Amino acid sequence: YQPAPLSVKTLPDTFVVQISVLYQAPVLYSIVSGDEKGYFFIHPSTGIVKTTKNLNPEDFPITFNVRATDSSDANIFNEVAVNVEVIVENYFSPVFPSALIEERLEENLQATQIVHLKAQDNDTGRNGLLTYGILSGDELKFRINETTGILYSTVSFDYEEEPTEYQLVIYAEDDGIPEKKRGYCTVVIKITD
């Protein structure tokens, strides 16, 4: 079993998962190993697992084993592993060092790297893992590497025939749980003669 991750703010007596078996006779459920610090309780007849106390994220993930035993013959049983993760809150939004970045780009260049954008997120783990994207602007003429944050042109520009200035709104998004957070910056690209 892999229940939904629990928040670090999960209160005692919170539902975690329900264990069930395909078996004709009544069974008794018990936690047999892996929960040495006693974070979980399983109801012997329903198989419902709940928390017993506040969770310390440093103790997780925890994998504990649940045994279902035939209620009239203790020699008939089976076990299953339950893997529980705890997630720390996503406190911070990504932040770019500058809200406005101006770059110059010569006309008639082949597709090229323009600028390496790097946002900062003070969360740890997946809450601080960033991906980049273009929110608005000319997405046919520009692209961003979603992992590195490097912004590229995808075409060559003609100073005389086309606009000489482009404005892109770039976002950095974390992989936060329960919600993802974004930060933004505007990149102004001036085509030079």
C-alpha atoms as a PDB file:
ATOM      1  CA  TYR A   1       0.000   0.000   0.000  1.00  0.00           C
ATOM      2  CA  GLN A   2       1.187   3.501  -0.868  1.00  0.00           C
ATOM      3  CA  PRO A   3      -1.253   5.945   0.768  1.00  0.00           C
ATOM      4  CA  ALA A   4      -1.366   9.625  -0.217  1.00  0.00           C
ATOM      5  CA  PRO A   5       1.540  11.466   1.435  1.00  0.00           C
ATOM      6  CA  LEU A   6       0.730  13.026   4.804  1.00  0.00           C
ATOM      7  CA  SER A   7       1.380  16.673   5.606  1.00  0.00           C
ATOM      8  CA  VAL A   8       3.813  17.414   8.394  1.00  0.00           C
ATOM      9  CA  LYS A   9       0.816  19.148  10.061  1.00  0.00           C
ATOM     10  CA  THR A  10      -1.280  15.944  10.135  1.00  0.00           C
ATOM     11  CA  LEU A  11      -3.071  15.660  13.487  1.00  0.00           C
ATOM     12  CA  PRO A  12      -3.355  12.509  15.620  1.00  0.00           C
ATOM     13  CA  ASP A  13      -6.324  10.248  14.757  1.00  0.00           C
ATOM     14  CA  THR A  14      -6.164  11.115  11.022  1.00  0.00           C
ATOM     15  CA  PHE A  15      -7.189   8.437   8.497  1.00  0.00           C
ATOM     16  CA  VAL A  16      -4.208   7.094   6.516  1.00  0.00           C
ATOM     17  CA  VAL A  17      -5.390   4.013   4.595  1.00  0.00           C
ATOM     18  CA  GLN A  18      -7.759   1.059   4.831  1.00  0.00           C
ATOM     19  CA  ILE A  19      -6.248  -2.409   4.499  1.00  0.00           C
ATOM     20  CA  SER A  20      -8.499  -5.148   3.164  1.00  0.00           C
ATOM     21  CA  VAL A  21      -8.226  -8.835   2.246  1.00  0.00           C
ATOM     22  CA  LEU A  22     -10.066 -11.204  -0.057  1.00  0.00           C
ATOM     23  CA  TYR A  23     -10.931 -13.945   2.425  1.00  0.00           C
ATOM     24  CA  GLN A  24     -14.099 -15.835   3.379  1.00  0.00           C
ATOM     25  CA  ALA A  25     -13.674 -15.823   7.169  1.00  0.00           C
ATOM     26  CA  PRO A  26     -13.282 -12.852   9.548  1.00  0.00           C
ATOM     27  CA  VAL A  27      -9.721 -11.625  10.076  1.00  0.00           C
ATOM     28  CA  LEU A  28      -7.901  -9.588  12.694  1.00  0.00           C
ATOM     29  CA  TYR A  29      -5.527  -6.854  11.536  1.00  0.00           C
ATOM     30  CA  SER A  30      -2.361  -5.861  13.386  1.00  0.00           C
ATOM     31  CA  ILE A  31       0.829  -3.886  12.741  1.00  0.00           C
ATOM     32  CA  VAL A  32       3.650  -6.380  13.215  1.00  0.00           C
ATOM     33  CA  SER A  33       6.842  -4.439  12.377  1.00  0.00           C
ATOM     34  CA  GLY A  34       8.309  -1.237  10.995  1.00  0.00           C
ATOM     35  CA  ASP A  35       6.402   1.244  13.182  1.00  0.00           C
ATOM     36  CA  GLU A  36       8.825   1.197  16.116  1.00  0.00           C
ATOM     37  CA  LYS A  37       7.999   4.802  17.088  1.00  0.00           C
ATOM     38  CA  GLY A  38       4.267   4.044  17.239  1.00  0.00           C
ATOM     39  CA  TYR A  39       2.967   6.579  14.721  1.00  0.00           C
ATOM     40  CA  PHE A  40       0.104   4.354  13.555  1.00  0.00           C
ATOM     41  CA  PHE A  41      -2.811   2.316  14.896  1.00  0.00           C
ATOM     42  CA  ILE A  42      -4.841  -0.203  12.924  1.00  0.00           C
ATOM     43  CA  HIS A  43      -8.411  -1.095  13.892  1.00  0.00           C
ATOM     44  CA  PRO A  44      -8.361  -4.890  14.372  1.00  0.00           C
ATOM     45  CA  SER A  45     -11.612  -5.582  12.508  1.00  0.00           C
ATOM     46  CA  THR A  46     -11.980  -2.754   9.930  1.00  0.00           C
ATOM     47  CA  GLY A  47      -8.339  -2.517   8.831  1.00  0.00           C
ATOM     48  CA  ILE A  48      -8.466   1.269   9.031  1.00  0.00           C
ATOM     49  CA  VAL A  49      -5.041   2.784   9.792  1.00  0.00           C
ATOM     50  CA  LYS A  50      -4.898   6.125  11.629  1.00  0.00           C
ATOM     51  CA  THR A  51      -2.141   8.302  13.052  1.00  0.00           C
ATOM     52  CA  THR A  52      -1.602   8.196  16.813  1.00  0.00           C
ATOM     53  CA  LYS A  53       0.496  11.367  17.279  1.00  0.00           C
ATOM     54  CA  ASN A  54       2.166  14.314  15.539  1.00  0.00           C
ATOM     55  CA  LEU A  55       4.584  13.312  12.773  1.00  0.00           C
ATOM     56  CA  ASN A  56       8.309  14.086  12.740  1.00  0.00           C
ATOM     57  CA  PRO A  57       9.311  14.358   9.060  1.00  0.00           C
ATOM     58  CA  GLU A  58      12.850  13.171   9.881  1.00  0.00           C
ATOM     59  CA  ASP A  59      11.446   9.714  10.739  1.00  0.00           C
ATOM     60  CA  PHE A  60       9.827   9.285   7.319  1.00  0.00           C
ATOM     61  CA  PRO A  61       9.313   7.605   4.921  1.00  0.00           C
ATOM     62  CA  ILE A  62       8.230   4.643   7.065  1.00  0.00           C
ATOM     63  CA  THR A  63       7.376   1.196   5.769  1.00  0.00           C
ATOM     64  CA  PHE A  64       5.460  -0.924   8.269  1.00  0.00           C
ATOM     65  CA  ASN A  65       3.939  -4.380   7.906  1.00  0.00           C
ATOM     66  CA  VAL A  66       0.309  -5.223   8.541  1.00  0.00           C
ATOM     67  CA  ARG A  67      -0.750  -8.802   9.257  1.00  0.00           C
ATOM     68  CA  ALA A  68      -4.233 -10.170   8.621  1.00  0.00           C
ATOM     69  CA  THR A  69      -4.838 -13.273  10.716  1.00  0.00           C
ATOM     70  CA  ASP A  70      -7.757 -15.715  10.487  1.00  0.00           C
ATOM     71  CA  SER A  71      -9.736 -14.861  13.621  1.00  0.00           C
ATOM     72  CA  SER A  72     -10.198 -18.528  14.549  1.00  0.00           C
ATOM     73  CA  ASP A  73      -6.759 -19.901  13.503  1.00  0.00           C
ATOM     74  CA  ALA A  74      -3.628 -17.845  14.257  1.00  0.00           C
ATOM     75  CA  ASN A  75      -1.558 -20.074  11.934  1.00  0.00           C
ATOM     76  CA  ILE A  76      -3.392 -18.687   8.887  1.00  0.00           C
ATOM     77  CA  PHE A  77      -2.208 -15.166   8.079  1.00  0.00           C
ATOM     78  CA  ASN A  78      -0.729 -12.943   5.423  1.00  0.00           C
ATOM     79  CA  GLU A  79       1.244  -9.684   5.549  1.00  0.00           C
ATOM     80  CA  VAL A  80       1.448  -6.557   3.430  1.00  0.00           C
ATOM     81  CA  ALA A  81       3.805  -3.545   3.492  1.00  0.00           C
ATOM     82  CA  VAL A  82       2.468   0.000   3.890  1.00  0.00           C
ATOM     83  CA  ASN A  83       4.767   2.823   2.796  1.00  0.00           C
ATOM     84  CA  VAL A  84       3.954   6.236   4.286  1.00  0.00           C
ATOM     85  CA  GLU A  85       5.619   9.491   3.250  1.00  0.00           C
ATOM     86  CA  VAL A  86       5.419  12.817   5.045  1.00  0.00           C
ATOM     87  CA  ILE A  87       5.757  16.045   3.136  1.00  0.00           C
ATOM     88  CA  VAL A  88       6.951  19.344   4.479  1.00  0.00           C
ATOM     89  CA  GLU A  89       4.798  22.333   3.518  1.00  0.00           C
ATOM     90  CA  ASN A  90       5.645  24.285   0.378  1.00  0.00           C
ATOM     91  CA  TYR A  91       6.437  27.613   2.067  1.00  0.00           C
ATOM     92  CA  PHE A  92       8.255  29.575  -0.643  1.00  0.00           C
ATOM     93  CA  SER A  93       7.515  30.713  -4.179  1.00  0.00           C
ATOM     94  CA  PRO A  94      10.338  30.758  -6.709  1.00  0.00           C
ATOM     95  CA  VAL A  95      11.955  34.191  -7.061  1.00  0.00           C
ATOM     96  CA  PHE A  96      13.971  35.561  -9.967  1.00  0.00           C
ATOM     97  CA  PRO A  97      16.894  37.853  -9.005  1.00  0.00           C
ATOM     98  CA  SER A  98      15.338  40.594 -11.125  1.00  0.00           C
ATOM     99  CA  ALA A  99      11.714  41.170 -12.175  1.00  0.00           C
ATOM    100  CA  LEU A 100      12.836  42.784 -15.440  1.00  0.00           C
ATOM    101  CA  ILE A 101      15.691  41.615 -17.637  1.00  0.00           C
ATOM    102  CA  GLU A 102      16.735  43.353 -20.849  1.00  0.00           C
ATOM    103  CA  GLU A 103      18.744  41.528 -23.495  1.00  0.00           C
ATOM    104  CA  ARG A 104      20.029  42.538 -26.911  1.00  0.00           C
ATOM    105  CA  LEU A 105      19.938  40.187 -29.875  1.00  0.00           C
ATOM    106  CA  GLU A 106      21.601  40.865 -33.205  1.00  0.00           C
ATOM    107  CA  GLU A 107      19.483  40.492 -36.314  1.00  0.00           C
ATOM    108  CA  ASN A 108      20.169  37.720 -38.857  1.00  0.00           C
ATOM    109  CA  LEU A 109      21.579  35.297 -36.255  1.00  0.00           C
ATOM    110  CA  GLN A 110      20.584  31.650 -36.417  1.00  0.00           C
ATOM    111  CA  ALA A 111      18.576  30.288 -33.458  1.00  0.00           C
ATOM    112  CA  THR A 112      20.737  31.013 -30.441  1.00  0.00           C
ATOM    113  CA  GLN A 113      20.960  31.160 -26.645  1.00  0.00           C
ATOM    114  CA  ILE A 114      19.805  34.540 -25.344  1.00  0.00           C
ATOM    115  CA  VAL A 115      19.980  34.391 -21.551  1.00  0.00           C
ATOM    116  CA  HIS A 116      20.212  31.859 -18.712  1.00  0.00           C
ATOM    117  CA  LEU A 117      17.383  32.596 -16.248  1.00  0.00           C
ATOM    118  CA  LYS A 118      17.760  31.189 -12.765  1.00  0.00           C
ATOM    119  CA  ALA A 119      15.138  31.474 -10.049  1.00  0.00           C
ATOM    120  CA  GLN A 120      15.677  30.649  -6.376  1.00  0.00           C
ATOM    121  CA  ASP A 121      13.318  28.624  -4.181  1.00  0.00           C
ATOM    122  CA  ASN A 122      14.154  28.211  -0.497  1.00  0.00           C
ATOM    123  CA  ASP A 123      12.119  25.029  -0.050  1.00  0.00           C
ATOM    124  CA  THR A 124      13.832  21.651   0.050  1.00  0.00           C
ATOM    125  CA  GLY A 125      13.166  18.483  -1.947  1.00  0.00           C
ATOM    126  CA  ARG A 126      10.492  18.544  -4.615  1.00  0.00           C
ATOM    127  CA  ASN A 127       9.038  21.743  -3.119  1.00  0.00           C
ATOM    128  CA  GLY A 128      12.185  23.490  -4.362  1.00  0.00           C
ATOM    129  CA  LEU A 129      12.517  21.686  -7.706  1.00  0.00           C
ATOM    130  CA  LEU A 130      11.927  24.211 -10.484  1.00  0.00           C
ATOM    131  CA  THR A 131      10.703  24.038 -14.059  1.00  0.00           C
ATOM    132  CA  TYR A 132      10.622  27.017 -16.402  1.00  0.00           C
ATOM    133  CA  GLY A 133       8.133  28.088 -19.048  1.00  0.00           C
ATOM    134  CA  ILE A 134       6.929  30.992 -21.174  1.00  0.00           C
ATOM    135  CA  LEU A 135       3.662  32.393 -19.834  1.00  0.00           C
ATOM    136  CA  SER A 136       3.161  34.999 -22.557  1.00  0.00           C
ATOM    137  CA  GLY A 137       4.985  36.510 -25.501  1.00  0.00           C
ATOM    138  CA  ASP A 138       5.915  35.184 -28.935  1.00  0.00           C
ATOM    139  CA  GLU A 139       6.266  31.458 -28.231  1.00  0.00           C
ATOM    140  CA  LEU A 140       6.921  30.726 -31.915  1.00  0.00           C
ATOM    141  CA  LYS A 141      10.096  32.826 -31.940  1.00  0.00           C
ATOM    142  CA  PHE A 142      11.409  31.858 -28.510  1.00  0.00           C
ATOM    143  CA  ARG A 143      11.640  28.761 -26.356  1.00  0.00           C
ATOM    144  CA  ILE A 144      12.916  28.017 -22.867  1.00  0.00           C
ATOM    145  CA  ASN A 145      14.560  24.834 -21.647  1.00  0.00           C
ATOM    146  CA  GLU A 146      12.181  23.858 -18.846  1.00  0.00           C
ATOM    147  CA  THR A 147      14.954  22.282 -16.770  1.00  0.00           C
ATOM    148  CA  THR A 148      17.860  24.711 -17.173  1.00  0.00           C
ATOM    149  CA  GLY A 149      15.980  28.014 -17.651  1.00  0.00           C
ATOM    150  CA  ILE A 150      18.014  28.873 -20.757  1.00  0.00           C
ATOM    151  CA  LEU A 151      16.035  31.071 -23.158  1.00  0.00           C
ATOM    152  CA  TYR A 152      16.651  30.615 -26.880  1.00  0.00           C
ATOM    153  CA  SER A 153      15.511  32.263 -30.081  1.00  0.00           C
ATOM    154  CA  THR A 154      14.080  29.756 -32.565  1.00  0.00           C
ATOM    155  CA  VAL A 155      14.330  31.953 -35.695  1.00  0.00           C
ATOM    156  CA  SER A 156      16.567  34.710 -37.028  1.00  0.00           C
ATOM    157  CA  PHE A 157      15.232  38.272 -36.854  1.00  0.00           C
ATOM    158  CA  ASP A 158      15.192  41.046 -39.440  1.00  0.00           C
ATOM    159  CA  TYR A 159      15.685  44.478 -37.882  1.00  0.00           C
ATOM    160  CA  GLU A 160      14.114  46.272 -40.841  1.00  0.00           C
ATOM    161  CA  GLU A 161      11.120  44.018 -41.470  1.00  0.00           C
ATOM    162  CA  GLU A 162       9.974  42.885 -38.022  1.00  0.00           C
ATOM    163  CA  PRO A 163       9.317  44.322 -34.558  1.00  0.00           C
ATOM    164  CA  THR A 164      12.563  45.344 -32.877  1.00  0.00           C
ATOM    165  CA  GLU A 165      11.388  44.581 -29.374  1.00  0.00           C
ATOM    166  CA  TYR A 166       9.787  41.481 -27.853  1.00  0.00           C
ATOM    167  CA  GLN A 167       8.453  41.051 -24.346  1.00  0.00           C
ATOM    168  CA  LEU A 168       8.212  37.616 -22.738  1.00  0.00           C
ATOM    169  CA  VAL A 169       6.834  36.742 -19.324  1.00  0.00           C
ATOM    170  CA  ILE A 170       8.762  33.765 -17.958  1.00  0.00           C
ATOM    171  CA  TYR A 171       7.682  31.662 -14.993  1.00  0.00           C
ATOM    172  CA  ALA A 172       9.511  29.317 -12.663  1.00  0.00           C
ATOM    173  CA  GLU A 173       7.254  26.736 -11.017  1.00  0.00           C
ATOM    174  CA  ASP A 174       8.141  24.460  -8.117  1.00  0.00           C
ATOM    175  CA  ASP A 175       6.922  20.880  -7.772  1.00  0.00           C
ATOM    176  CA  GLY A 176       5.289  21.626  -4.439  1.00  0.00           C
ATOM    177  CA  ILE A 177       2.760  19.621  -2.489  1.00  0.00           C
ATOM    178  CA  PRO A 178      -0.078  20.272  -1.899  1.00  0.00           C
ATOM    179  CA  GLU A 179       0.122  23.176  -4.360  1.00  0.00           C
ATOM    180  CA  LYS A 180       2.708  24.315  -6.872  1.00  0.00           C
ATOM    181  CA  LYS A 181       3.931  27.904  -6.602  1.00  0.00           C
ATOM    182  CA  ARG A 182       5.198  30.211  -9.346  1.00  0.00           C
ATOM    183  CA  GLY A 183       7.473  33.215  -9.653  1.00  0.00           C
ATOM    184  CA  TYR A 184       7.675  35.476 -12.709  1.00  0.00           C
ATOM    185  CA  CYS A 185      10.033  37.748 -14.568  1.00  0.00           C
ATOM    186  CA  THR A 186       9.700  39.810 -17.734  1.00  0.00           C
ATOM    187  CA  VAL A 187      12.373  39.553 -20.398  1.00  0.00           C
ATOM    188  CA  VAL A 188      12.592  42.356 -22.958  1.00  0.00           C
ATOM    189  CA  ILE A 189      14.559  41.375 -26.048  1.00  0.00           C
ATOM    190  CA  LYS A 190      15.739  44.188 -28.271  1.00  0.00           C
ATOM    191  CA  ILE A 191      16.752  43.286 -31.814  1.00  0.00           C
ATOM    192  CA  THR A 192      19.794  45.254 -32.898  1.00  0.00           C
ATOM    193  CA  ASP A 193      20.750  46.441 -36.365  1.00  0.00           C
END
